[in-house]
């Protein structure tokens, strides 16, 4: 699948118009993670935002040195690493590829610096990041309550 199609279908960029999507497309690079690879480590610096093209990623909360709990997963067209765009730019969870995962990587600083060159696009991306955060929070609340959310 081409990059533009992945971005159109992504949770973080899906609402952008075609011109903005083409601009964002120029900012990403493809990356591949083999099963078991750590994509982001809880409390480590977060410098890249990813859109998963194909694959499955575990989002885990580390409660101690040997205690990890998977709280969510992310798969095709979902964003991980949104913390690269929000201060203090540190991973809030650990992200681990459960299978070979292809993604589009964005430099978080480059996305943030759009505020100087294209403030409208920067604001739209921030809205997309807020959407991703709200969906993850809703899923976490639902999981906490032991209720399955359905549309």
Protein backbone atom coordinates (compact mmCIF):
# COMPACT_ATOMS: atom_id res chain seq x y z
CA UNK A 1 0.00 0.00 0.00
CA UNK A 2 1.36 3.45 -0.79
CA UNK A 3 2.18 5.92 1.97
CA UNK A 4 -0.60 8.34 1.06
CA UNK A 5 -3.26 5.63 1.37
CA UNK A 6 -1.90 4.55 4.77
CA UNK A 7 -2.02 8.16 6.01
CA UNK A 8 -5.58 8.65 4.70
CA UNK A 9 -6.71 5.61 6.67
CA UNK A 10 -4.75 6.42 9.84
CA UNK A 11 -6.37 7.49 13.09
CA UNK A 12 -4.08 10.50 13.44
CA UNK A 13 -4.11 11.94 9.88
CA UNK A 14 -7.40 10.68 8.36
CA UNK A 15 -9.19 14.04 8.48
CA UNK A 16 -6.48 16.00 6.60
CA UNK A 17 -7.27 17.20 3.09
CA UNK A 18 -5.28 15.85 0.13
CA UNK A 19 -2.84 18.79 0.00
CA UNK A 20 -2.02 18.45 3.70
CA UNK A 21 -1.70 14.67 3.38
CA UNK A 22 0.83 15.15 0.56
CA UNK A 23 2.80 17.54 2.77
CA UNK A 24 2.77 15.08 5.67
CA UNK A 25 3.73 12.22 3.34
CA UNK A 26 7.03 14.01 2.59
CA UNK A 27 7.89 13.93 6.30
CA UNK A 28 7.71 10.17 6.90
CA UNK A 29 10.10 7.32 6.34
CA UNK A 30 9.27 3.60 6.30
CA UNK A 31 10.56 1.44 9.16
CA UNK A 32 10.22 -2.27 9.86
CA UNK A 33 10.24 -3.91 13.29
CA UNK A 34 10.69 -7.64 13.70
CA UNK A 35 8.58 -9.54 16.24
CA UNK A 36 9.89 -8.88 19.74
CA UNK A 37 11.49 -5.53 18.88
CA UNK A 38 10.98 -2.71 21.37
CA UNK A 39 9.72 0.35 19.51
CA UNK A 40 9.50 2.64 22.52
CA UNK A 41 10.46 2.04 26.16
CA UNK A 42 8.41 3.44 29.05
CA UNK A 43 10.01 6.61 30.50
CA UNK A 44 12.58 6.83 27.67
CA UNK A 45 12.77 9.81 25.33
CA UNK A 46 10.13 9.66 22.62
CA UNK A 47 11.40 11.09 19.35
CA UNK A 48 9.25 9.38 16.70
CA UNK A 49 5.55 9.10 16.02
CA UNK A 50 4.56 6.03 13.98
CA UNK A 51 1.60 5.04 11.87
CA UNK A 52 1.40 1.27 11.56
CA UNK A 53 1.03 0.19 7.96
CA UNK A 54 0.82 -3.51 8.72
CA UNK A 55 1.45 -5.45 11.90
CA UNK A 56 0.60 -5.66 15.57
CA UNK A 57 2.13 -3.81 18.53
CA UNK A 58 1.62 -4.47 22.23
CA UNK A 59 1.26 -1.40 24.43
CA UNK A 60 2.46 -2.38 27.88
CA UNK A 61 2.60 -0.67 31.23
CA UNK A 62 5.71 -1.52 33.23
CA UNK A 63 4.77 -1.73 36.89
CA UNK A 64 8.18 -2.87 38.10
CA UNK A 65 11.41 -4.40 36.85
CA UNK A 66 9.76 -7.75 36.08
CA UNK A 67 6.06 -6.85 36.00
CA UNK A 68 4.66 -5.77 32.62
CA UNK A 69 0.99 -5.65 31.70
CA UNK A 70 -0.33 -5.38 28.19
CA UNK A 71 -3.03 -2.75 28.35
CA UNK A 72 -3.78 -2.32 24.65
CA UNK A 73 -2.64 -3.24 21.17
CA UNK A 74 -2.26 -1.15 18.05
CA UNK A 75 -2.52 -2.46 14.51
CA UNK A 76 -2.97 -1.34 10.92
CA UNK A 77 -3.43 2.42 10.46
CA UNK A 78 -3.12 3.19 14.17
CA UNK A 79 -0.68 5.64 15.70
CA UNK A 80 1.91 4.79 18.33
CA UNK A 81 4.53 7.08 19.81
CA UNK A 82 2.26 10.12 19.96
CA UNK A 83 4.33 11.21 22.98
CA UNK A 84 6.96 12.46 20.51
CA UNK A 85 4.65 15.39 19.84
CA UNK A 86 3.60 16.25 23.41
CA UNK A 87 5.88 17.57 26.20
CA UNK A 88 7.78 16.16 28.04
CA UNK A 89 8.43 13.88 25.02
CA UNK A 90 8.76 10.67 27.05
CA UNK A 91 7.11 7.32 26.40
CA UNK A 92 4.24 6.65 28.81
CA UNK A 93 4.25 2.92 27.99
CA UNK A 94 6.45 0.35 26.30
CA UNK A 95 5.56 -0.54 22.71
CA UNK A 96 6.70 -3.96 21.47
CA UNK A 97 6.13 -5.52 18.05
CA UNK A 98 4.15 -8.75 18.45
CA UNK A 99 4.73 -9.63 14.81
CA UNK A 100 6.72 -8.17 11.95
CA UNK A 101 5.42 -4.61 11.78
CA UNK A 102 5.81 -2.08 8.99
CA UNK A 103 5.25 1.54 9.85
CA UNK A 104 5.71 5.11 8.74
CA UNK A 105 7.96 7.07 11.10
CA UNK A 106 7.73 10.81 11.73
CA UNK A 107 10.35 12.85 13.53
CA UNK A 108 8.49 14.38 16.47
CA UNK A 109 10.55 17.56 16.46
CA UNK A 110 9.88 18.07 12.75
CA UNK A 111 6.14 17.72 13.38
CA UNK A 112 6.32 20.17 16.29
CA UNK A 113 8.31 22.68 14.23
CA UNK A 114 5.45 22.92 11.74
CA UNK A 115 4.12 25.55 14.13
CA UNK A 116 6.66 27.95 12.57
CA UNK A 117 6.21 27.03 8.91
CA UNK A 118 2.63 25.76 8.65
CA UNK A 119 0.68 26.53 11.84
CA UNK A 120 -2.63 25.37 10.36
CA UNK A 121 -1.25 21.92 9.57
CA UNK A 122 0.46 21.75 12.96
CA UNK A 123 -2.86 22.51 14.68
CA UNK A 124 -4.66 19.87 12.61
CA UNK A 125 -2.03 17.26 13.50
CA UNK A 126 -2.32 18.24 17.18
CA UNK A 127 -6.06 17.62 16.87
CA UNK A 128 -5.35 14.18 15.42
CA UNK A 129 -2.97 13.40 18.29
CA UNK A 130 -5.64 14.53 20.76
CA UNK A 131 -8.10 12.18 19.05
CA UNK A 132 -5.66 9.25 19.41
CA UNK A 133 -5.10 10.05 23.09
CA UNK A 134 -8.85 10.28 23.74
CA UNK A 135 -9.47 6.91 22.06
CA UNK A 136 -6.70 5.25 24.08
CA UNK A 137 -8.00 6.80 27.30
CA UNK A 138 -11.54 5.65 26.53
CA UNK A 139 -10.28 2.11 25.84
CA UNK A 140 -8.30 2.14 29.10
CA UNK A 141 -11.33 3.31 31.09
CA UNK A 142 -13.50 0.65 29.45
CA UNK A 143 -10.91 -2.03 30.20
CA UNK A 144 -10.61 -0.81 33.78
CA UNK A 145 -14.35 -1.12 34.25
CA UNK A 146 -14.39 -4.59 32.68
CA UNK A 147 -16.82 -3.49 30.00
CA UNK A 148 -16.36 -4.04 26.28
CA UNK A 149 -17.07 -0.91 24.26
CA UNK A 150 -19.01 -1.40 21.02
CA UNK A 151 -20.09 1.14 18.41
